[in-house]
Amino acid sequence: DYGSDAPPSDSLRGIRGHRFVHPLHAPGEADLSVDVDFRAVRAAATATDAALICPPMVEQRHFLAAMGLEARVNALLRAAPSDEVRQALFDGATRLVESPGMGSAYKALAIAHPSMGGGIPGFGTA
């Protein structure tokens, strides 16, 4: 989600047609979004159970790369029935990892129990 390791300020926004709009633009037709204070989420989780593993948040582009986005997209491209579908897959994957863009604007956070063992997929070592 959108966010940082600090309390957000004035982050309420509307999103319609993949573009930011005023939050009251087209009520019921625009999504509403606010930035997440990931530090507060981690603090709330560890206050409940201090043993929980909460690695630092990562940008979406790094998380998706670590989770094998490239291999998955390549498999989909090989199976795509047409050049048009291949282009749409490529464009969609690119949009997810672009920076500036969704790849750096969106963040990922993990909270896991130690019984998972080792690292948390997509987050390196905790």
C-alpha atoms as a PDB file:
ATOM      1  CA  ASP A   1       0.000   0.000   0.000  1.00  0.00           C
ATOM      2  CA  TYR A   2       1.017   3.651  -0.006  1.00  0.00           C
ATOM      3  CA  GLY A   3       2.879   4.606   3.149  1.00  0.00           C
ATOM      4  CA  SER A   4       6.097   5.132   5.026  1.00  0.00           C
ATOM      5  CA  ASP A   5       7.674   4.533   8.421  1.00  0.00           C
ATOM      6  CA  ALA A   6       6.169   7.742   9.779  1.00  0.00           C
ATOM      7  CA  PRO A   7       2.725   9.134  10.465  1.00  0.00           C
ATOM      8  CA  PRO A   8       1.162  10.374   7.223  1.00  0.00           C
ATOM      9  CA  SER A   9      -0.116  13.887   6.861  1.00  0.00           C
ATOM     10  CA  ASP A  10      -3.078  14.859   4.728  1.00  0.00           C
ATOM     11  CA  SER A  11      -2.900  11.742   2.597  1.00  0.00           C
ATOM     12  CA  LEU A  12      -6.599  11.167   1.854  1.00  0.00           C
ATOM     13  CA  ARG A  13      -7.024  10.913  -1.905  1.00  0.00           C
ATOM     14  CA  GLY A  14      -9.384   9.574  -4.491  1.00  0.00           C
ATOM     15  CA  ILE A  15      -8.323   7.281  -7.307  1.00  0.00           C
ATOM     16  CA  ARG A  16     -10.385   6.827 -10.438  1.00  0.00           C
ATOM     17  CA  GLY A  17      -9.267   5.411 -13.745  1.00  0.00           C
ATOM     18  CA  HIS A  18      -5.715   4.924 -12.380  1.00  0.00           C
ATOM     19  CA  ARG A  19      -5.424   8.661 -11.665  1.00  0.00           C
ATOM     20  CA  PHE A  20      -5.568  10.690  -8.475  1.00  0.00           C
ATOM     21  CA  VAL A  21      -8.744  12.731  -8.113  1.00  0.00           C
ATOM     22  CA  HIS A  22     -10.292  14.787  -5.330  1.00  0.00           C
ATOM     23  CA  PRO A  23     -11.649  12.377  -2.665  1.00  0.00           C
ATOM     24  CA  LEU A  24     -15.191  13.650  -3.226  1.00  0.00           C
ATOM     25  CA  HIS A  25     -14.987  13.424  -7.017  1.00  0.00           C
ATOM     26  CA  ALA A  26     -17.743  11.095  -8.236  1.00  0.00           C
ATOM     27  CA  PRO A  27     -18.777   9.643  -4.839  1.00  0.00           C
ATOM     28  CA  GLY A  28     -19.205   5.903  -5.096  1.00  0.00           C
ATOM     29  CA  GLU A  29     -17.158   5.749  -8.288  1.00  0.00           C
ATOM     30  CA  ALA A  30     -13.698   6.758  -7.007  1.00  0.00           C
ATOM     31  CA  ASP A  31     -11.645   4.613  -4.635  1.00  0.00           C
ATOM     32  CA  LEU A  32     -10.423   6.291  -1.451  1.00  0.00           C
ATOM     33  CA  SER A  33      -6.896   5.782  -0.195  1.00  0.00           C
ATOM     34  CA  VAL A  34      -4.674   6.993   2.636  1.00  0.00           C
ATOM     35  CA  ASP A  35      -1.019   6.388   3.446  1.00  0.00           C
ATOM     36  CA  VAL A  36      -0.228   3.680   5.989  1.00  0.00           C
ATOM     37  CA  ASP A  37       2.036   4.337   8.956  1.00  0.00           C
ATOM     38  CA  PHE A  38       3.948   1.064   8.698  1.00  0.00           C
ATOM     39  CA  ARG A  39       5.925   1.787  11.864  1.00  0.00           C
ATOM     40  CA  ALA A  40       2.661   2.012  13.832  1.00  0.00           C
ATOM     41  CA  VAL A  41       1.420  -1.253  12.308  1.00  0.00           C
ATOM     42  CA  ARG A  42       4.660  -3.008  13.303  1.00  0.00           C
ATOM     43  CA  ALA A  43       4.502  -1.501  16.793  1.00  0.00           C
ATOM     44  CA  ALA A  44       0.907  -2.661  17.269  1.00  0.00           C
ATOM     45  CA  ALA A  45       1.804  -6.175  16.123  1.00  0.00           C
ATOM     46  CA  THR A  46       4.861  -6.512  18.357  1.00  0.00           C
ATOM     47  CA  ALA A  47       2.967  -5.031  21.310  1.00  0.00           C
ATOM     48  CA  THR A  48       0.624  -8.004  20.978  1.00  0.00           C
ATOM     49  CA  ASP A  49       3.435 -10.549  20.591  1.00  0.00           C
ATOM     50  CA  ALA A  50       7.042  -9.394  20.962  1.00  0.00           C
ATOM     51  CA  ALA A  51       8.269 -12.564  19.246  1.00  0.00           C
ATOM     52  CA  LEU A  52       6.701 -11.619  15.919  1.00  0.00           C
ATOM     53  CA  ILE A  53       9.102 -11.033  13.047  1.00  0.00           C
ATOM     54  CA  CYS A  54       8.585  -7.664  11.326  1.00  0.00           C
ATOM     55  CA  PRO A  55      11.257  -6.962   8.730  1.00  0.00           C
ATOM     56  CA  PRO A  56      11.534  -3.475   7.253  1.00  0.00           C
ATOM     57  CA  MET A  57       8.997  -2.605   4.591  1.00  0.00           C
ATOM     58  CA  VAL A  58      10.124  -2.903   0.993  1.00  0.00           C
ATOM     59  CA  GLU A  59       9.103  -1.192  -2.212  1.00  0.00           C
ATOM     60  CA  GLN A  60       6.671  -3.171  -4.322  1.00  0.00           C
ATOM     61  CA  ARG A  61       9.212  -3.516  -7.146  1.00  0.00           C
ATOM     62  CA  HIS A  62      11.736  -5.222  -4.850  1.00  0.00           C
ATOM     63  CA  PHE A  63       9.089  -7.456  -3.285  1.00  0.00           C
ATOM     64  CA  LEU A  64       7.747  -8.586  -6.669  1.00  0.00           C
ATOM     65  CA  ALA A  65      11.253  -9.213  -7.994  1.00  0.00           C
ATOM     66  CA  ALA A  66      12.112 -11.314  -4.939  1.00  0.00           C
ATOM     67  CA  MET A  67       8.864 -13.268  -5.377  1.00  0.00           C
ATOM     68  CA  GLY A  68       9.784 -14.206  -8.946  1.00  0.00           C
ATOM     69  CA  LEU A  69       7.826 -11.729 -11.046  1.00  0.00           C
ATOM     70  CA  GLU A  70      10.231 -11.986 -13.977  1.00  0.00           C
ATOM     71  CA  ALA A  71       9.979 -15.778 -14.233  1.00  0.00           C
ATOM     72  CA  ARG A  72       6.185 -15.668 -13.903  1.00  0.00           C
ATOM     73  CA  VAL A  73       5.794 -12.976 -16.547  1.00  0.00           C
ATOM     74  CA  ASN A  74       8.134 -14.872 -18.889  1.00  0.00           C
ATOM     75  CA  ALA A  75       6.029 -18.028 -18.462  1.00  0.00           C
ATOM     76  CA  LEU A  76       2.862 -16.069 -19.207  1.00  0.00           C
ATOM     77  CA  LEU A  77       4.478 -14.448 -22.238  1.00  0.00           C
ATOM     78  CA  ARG A  78       5.465 -17.854 -23.645  1.00  0.00           C
ATOM     79  CA  ALA A  79       1.885 -19.106 -23.235  1.00  0.00           C
ATOM     80  CA  ALA A  80       0.186 -15.944 -24.525  1.00  0.00           C
ATOM     81  CA  PRO A  81      -1.966 -16.561 -27.602  1.00  0.00           C
ATOM     82  CA  SER A  82      -1.115 -13.323 -29.427  1.00  0.00           C
ATOM     83  CA  ASP A  83       1.240 -10.372 -29.683  1.00  0.00           C
ATOM     84  CA  GLU A  84      -1.550  -8.174 -28.288  1.00  0.00           C
ATOM     85  CA  VAL A  85      -1.837 -10.305 -25.146  1.00  0.00           C
ATOM     86  CA  ARG A  86       1.957 -10.425 -24.784  1.00  0.00           C
ATOM     87  CA  GLN A  87       2.150  -6.635 -25.003  1.00  0.00           C
ATOM     88  CA  ALA A  88      -0.614  -6.232 -22.397  1.00  0.00           C
ATOM     89  CA  LEU A  89       1.202  -8.626 -20.032  1.00  0.00           C
ATOM     90  CA  PHE A  90       4.498  -6.823 -20.524  1.00  0.00           C
ATOM     91  CA  ASP A  91       2.911  -3.385 -20.043  1.00  0.00           C
ATOM     92  CA  GLY A  92       1.083  -4.527 -16.897  1.00  0.00           C
ATOM     93  CA  ALA A  93       4.190  -6.030 -15.324  1.00  0.00           C
ATOM     94  CA  THR A  94       6.225  -2.951 -16.196  1.00  0.00           C
ATOM     95  CA  ARG A  95       3.619  -0.706 -14.584  1.00  0.00           C
ATOM     96  CA  LEU A  96       3.829  -2.733 -11.349  1.00  0.00           C
ATOM     97  CA  VAL A  97       7.577  -2.171 -11.001  1.00  0.00           C
ATOM     98  CA  GLU A  98       8.135   1.270 -12.528  1.00  0.00           C
ATOM     99  CA  SER A  99       9.941   3.892 -10.502  1.00  0.00           C
ATOM    100  CA  PRO A 100       8.754   6.514 -10.241  1.00  0.00           C
ATOM    101  CA  GLY A 101       5.370   4.869 -10.266  1.00  0.00           C
ATOM    102  CA  MET A 102       3.709   1.904  -8.627  1.00  0.00           C
ATOM    103  CA  GLY A 103       7.015   0.096  -8.097  1.00  0.00           C
ATOM    104  CA  SER A 104       8.248   2.677  -5.618  1.00  0.00           C
ATOM    105  CA  ALA A 105       4.952   4.271  -4.499  1.00  0.00           C
ATOM    106  CA  TYR A 106       3.521   1.022  -3.119  1.00  0.00           C
ATOM    107  CA  LYS A 107       5.172  -0.700  -0.173  1.00  0.00           C
ATOM    108  CA  ALA A 108       4.915  -4.191   1.269  1.00  0.00           C
ATOM    109  CA  LEU A 109       5.080  -5.158   4.941  1.00  0.00           C
ATOM    110  CA  ALA A 110       5.296  -8.607   6.497  1.00  0.00           C
ATOM    111  CA  ILE A 111       4.466  -9.746  10.003  1.00  0.00           C
ATOM    112  CA  ALA A 112       5.209 -13.374  10.759  1.00  0.00           C
ATOM    113  CA  HIS A 113       5.406 -15.780  13.649  1.00  0.00           C
ATOM    114  CA  PRO A 114       8.900 -17.144  14.394  1.00  0.00           C
ATOM    115  CA  SER A 115       7.616 -20.669  13.766  1.00  0.00           C
ATOM    116  CA  MET A 116       7.842 -19.857  10.039  1.00  0.00           C
ATOM    117  CA  GLY A 117      11.587 -20.218  10.428  1.00  0.00           C
ATOM    118  CA  GLY A 118      14.218 -18.545   8.270  1.00  0.00           C
ATOM    119  CA  GLY A 119      13.469 -15.437   6.309  1.00  0.00           C
ATOM    120  CA  ILE A 120      10.134 -14.214   5.063  1.00  0.00           C
ATOM    121  CA  PRO A 121       9.763 -14.682   1.292  1.00  0.00           C
ATOM    122  CA  GLY A 122      10.172 -11.361  -0.475  1.00  0.00           C
ATOM    123  CA  PHE A 123      11.785  -9.625   2.487  1.00  0.00           C
ATOM    124  CA  GLY A 124      15.287 -11.040   2.650  1.00  0.00           C
ATOM    125  CA  THR A 125      16.454 -11.845   6.157  1.00  0.00           C
ATOM    126  CA  ALA A 126      14.536 -10.484   9.123  1.00  0.00           C
END
